[in-house]
Amino acid sequence: MPKATNSASGTSSSSIQDMLKAFFQQQQRMEMEWREMMERREQERRMFEQEWRQKMEKVERERLMVEQAWREREEQRRMREESRAERRDALLTTLLNKLINQTNF
């Protein structure tokens, strides 16, 4: 009787060990898959951030170019305005001088 129990208990013990071994292997596989998934997500996040940064840098460069073009147009407009004002002042001065000269005669 003790041998039968011992043999049954050995089989039972072996079966439990096999189940535990299989369980731990499954846990390790699941943990490895989880880590791989997290690493993939991290890589995707890094790629997304890098693409976003590049897009933002491009947008900033475009904004600076537009701003520079606007400044140049404003400078040209200001120069034209000053040139018109100078010509107008010169014309008015000439007209006033002619009027003054005509009244003196």
C-alpha atoms as a PDB file:
ATOM      1  CA  MET A   1       0.000   0.000   0.000  1.00  0.00           C
ATOM      2  CA  PRO A   2       2.691   2.538   0.808  1.00  0.00           C
ATOM      3  CA  LYS A   3       4.354   1.893  -2.560  1.00  0.00           C
ATOM      4  CA  ALA A   4       1.139   2.579  -4.457  1.00  0.00           C
ATOM      5  CA  THR A   5       0.601   5.814  -2.587  1.00  0.00           C
ATOM      6  CA  ASN A   6       4.187   6.783  -3.104  1.00  0.00           C
ATOM      7  CA  SER A   7       3.933   6.037  -6.813  1.00  0.00           C
ATOM      8  CA  ALA A   8       0.625   7.895  -7.136  1.00  0.00           C
ATOM      9  CA  SER A   9       1.956  10.776  -5.176  1.00  0.00           C
ATOM     10  CA  GLY A  10       5.080  10.853  -7.405  1.00  0.00           C
ATOM     11  CA  THR A  11       2.916  10.977 -10.502  1.00  0.00           C
ATOM     12  CA  SER A  12       0.738  13.613  -8.918  1.00  0.00           C
ATOM     13  CA  SER A  13       3.794  15.604  -7.876  1.00  0.00           C
ATOM     14  CA  SER A  14       5.268  15.285 -11.358  1.00  0.00           C
ATOM     15  CA  SER A  15       1.963  16.373 -12.868  1.00  0.00           C
ATOM     16  CA  ILE A  16       1.801  19.426 -10.613  1.00  0.00           C
ATOM     17  CA  GLN A  17       5.405  20.286 -11.453  1.00  0.00           C
ATOM     18  CA  ASP A  18       4.628  19.977 -15.153  1.00  0.00           C
ATOM     19  CA  MET A  19       1.578  22.210 -14.760  1.00  0.00           C
ATOM     20  CA  LEU A  20       3.594  24.788 -12.792  1.00  0.00           C
ATOM     21  CA  LYS A  21       6.386  24.649 -15.361  1.00  0.00           C
ATOM     22  CA  ALA A  22       3.886  25.159 -18.180  1.00  0.00           C
ATOM     23  CA  PHE A  23       2.238  27.997 -16.251  1.00  0.00           C
ATOM     24  CA  PHE A  24       5.555  29.789 -15.660  1.00  0.00           C
ATOM     25  CA  GLN A  25       6.568  29.309 -19.286  1.00  0.00           C
ATOM     26  CA  GLN A  26       3.239  30.790 -20.368  1.00  0.00           C
ATOM     27  CA  GLN A  27       3.781  33.702 -17.962  1.00  0.00           C
ATOM     28  CA  GLN A  28       7.262  34.276 -19.380  1.00  0.00           C
ATOM     29  CA  ARG A  29       5.925  34.198 -22.954  1.00  0.00           C
ATOM     30  CA  MET A  30       3.175  36.647 -22.036  1.00  0.00           C
ATOM     31  CA  GLU A  31       5.673  38.938 -20.312  1.00  0.00           C
ATOM     32  CA  MET A  32       8.015  38.777 -23.314  1.00  0.00           C
ATOM     33  CA  GLU A  33       5.147  39.571 -25.701  1.00  0.00           C
ATOM     34  CA  TRP A  34       4.073  42.443 -23.461  1.00  0.00           C
ATOM     35  CA  ARG A  35       7.626  43.839 -23.416  1.00  0.00           C
ATOM     36  CA  GLU A  36       7.916  43.528 -27.185  1.00  0.00           C
ATOM     37  CA  MET A  37       4.580  45.275 -27.606  1.00  0.00           C
ATOM     38  CA  MET A  38       5.648  48.074 -25.263  1.00  0.00           C
ATOM     39  CA  GLU A  39       8.951  48.437 -27.124  1.00  0.00           C
ATOM     40  CA  ARG A  40       7.069  48.644 -30.451  1.00  0.00           C
ATOM     41  CA  ARG A  41       4.744  51.281 -28.998  1.00  0.00           C
ATOM     42  CA  GLU A  42       7.706  53.244 -27.657  1.00  0.00           C
ATOM     43  CA  GLN A  43       9.393  53.077 -31.055  1.00  0.00           C
ATOM     44  CA  GLU A  44       6.175  54.221 -32.758  1.00  0.00           C
ATOM     45  CA  ARG A  45       5.858  57.079 -30.261  1.00  0.00           C
ATOM     46  CA  ARG A  46       9.462  58.134 -30.926  1.00  0.00           C
ATOM     47  CA  MET A  47       8.872  58.035 -34.679  1.00  0.00           C
ATOM     48  CA  PHE A  48       5.685  60.039 -34.289  1.00  0.00           C
ATOM     49  CA  GLU A  49       7.476  62.620 -32.139  1.00  0.00           C
ATOM     50  CA  GLN A  50      10.337  62.866 -34.606  1.00  0.00           C
ATOM     51  CA  GLU A  51       7.937  63.351 -37.538  1.00  0.00           C
ATOM     52  CA  TRP A  52       5.970  65.910 -35.536  1.00  0.00           C
ATOM     53  CA  ARG A  53       9.165  67.784 -34.639  1.00  0.00           C
ATOM     54  CA  GLN A  54      10.260  67.816 -38.274  1.00  0.00           C
ATOM     55  CA  LYS A  55       6.845  69.098 -39.376  1.00  0.00           C
ATOM     56  CA  MET A  56       6.923  71.818 -36.738  1.00  0.00           C
ATOM     57  CA  GLU A  57      10.428  72.850 -37.782  1.00  0.00           C
ATOM     58  CA  LYS A  58       9.247  73.039 -41.398  1.00  0.00           C
ATOM     59  CA  VAL A  59       6.213  75.094 -40.387  1.00  0.00           C
ATOM     60  CA  GLU A  60       8.469  77.423 -38.380  1.00  0.00           C
ATOM     61  CA  ARG A  61      10.839  77.852 -41.337  1.00  0.00           C
ATOM     62  CA  GLU A  62       7.880  78.610 -43.602  1.00  0.00           C
ATOM     63  CA  ARG A  63       6.524  81.099 -41.066  1.00  0.00           C
ATOM     64  CA  LEU A  64       9.903  82.830 -40.881  1.00  0.00           C
ATOM     65  CA  MET A  65      10.076  83.003 -44.675  1.00  0.00           C
ATOM     66  CA  VAL A  66       6.571  84.493 -44.866  1.00  0.00           C
ATOM     67  CA  GLU A  67       7.432  86.964 -42.131  1.00  0.00           C
ATOM     68  CA  GLN A  68      10.657  87.945 -43.912  1.00  0.00           C
ATOM     69  CA  ALA A  69       8.779  88.437 -47.194  1.00  0.00           C
ATOM     70  CA  TRP A  70       6.199  90.574 -45.365  1.00  0.00           C
ATOM     71  CA  ARG A  71       8.969  92.704 -43.812  1.00  0.00           C
ATOM     72  CA  GLU A  72      10.572  93.169 -47.217  1.00  0.00           C
ATOM     73  CA  ARG A  73       7.235  94.187 -48.762  1.00  0.00           C
ATOM     74  CA  GLU A  74       6.616  96.583 -45.877  1.00  0.00           C
ATOM     75  CA  GLU A  75      10.081  98.083 -46.325  1.00  0.00           C
ATOM     76  CA  GLN A  76       9.467  98.536 -50.052  1.00  0.00           C
ATOM     77  CA  ARG A  77       6.074 100.100 -49.347  1.00  0.00           C
ATOM     78  CA  ARG A  78       7.646 102.449 -46.791  1.00  0.00           C
ATOM     79  CA  MET A  79      10.380 103.416 -49.245  1.00  0.00           C
ATOM     80  CA  ARG A  80       7.774 104.121 -51.967  1.00  0.00           C
ATOM     81  CA  GLU A  81       5.766 106.177 -49.478  1.00  0.00           C
ATOM     82  CA  GLU A  82       8.845 108.185 -48.489  1.00  0.00           C
ATOM     83  CA  SER A  83       9.772 108.686 -52.141  1.00  0.00           C
ATOM     84  CA  ARG A  84       6.247 109.939 -52.912  1.00  0.00           C
ATOM     85  CA  ALA A  85       6.352 112.263 -49.918  1.00  0.00           C
ATOM     86  CA  GLU A  86       9.745 113.639 -50.993  1.00  0.00           C
ATOM     87  CA  ARG A  87       8.508 114.222 -54.557  1.00  0.00           C
ATOM     88  CA  ARG A  88       5.327 115.849 -53.256  1.00  0.00           C
ATOM     89  CA  ASP A  89       7.354 118.080 -50.930  1.00  0.00           C
ATOM     90  CA  ALA A  90       9.732 118.989 -53.752  1.00  0.00           C
ATOM     91  CA  LEU A  91       6.784 119.803 -56.040  1.00  0.00           C
ATOM     92  CA  LEU A  92       5.112 121.926 -53.354  1.00  0.00           C
ATOM     93  CA  THR A  93       8.383 123.727 -52.639  1.00  0.00           C
ATOM     94  CA  THR A  94       8.861 124.424 -56.349  1.00  0.00           C
ATOM     95  CA  LEU A  95       5.292 125.683 -56.694  1.00  0.00           C
ATOM     96  CA  LEU A  96       5.591 127.873 -53.630  1.00  0.00           C
ATOM     97  CA  ASN A  97       8.897 129.283 -54.884  1.00  0.00           C
ATOM     98  CA  LYS A  98       7.312 130.081 -58.255  1.00  0.00           C
ATOM     99  CA  LEU A  99       4.366 131.757 -56.538  1.00  0.00           C
ATOM    100  CA  ILE A 100       6.703 133.775 -54.328  1.00  0.00           C
ATOM    101  CA  ASN A 101       8.814 134.776 -57.337  1.00  0.00           C
ATOM    102  CA  GLN A 102       5.691 135.780 -59.304  1.00  0.00           C
ATOM    103  CA  THR A 103       4.368 137.935 -56.481  1.00  0.00           C
ATOM    104  CA  ASN A 104       7.730 139.688 -56.097  1.00  0.00           C
ATOM    105  CA  PHE A 105       7.609 140.973 -59.702  1.00  0.00           C
END
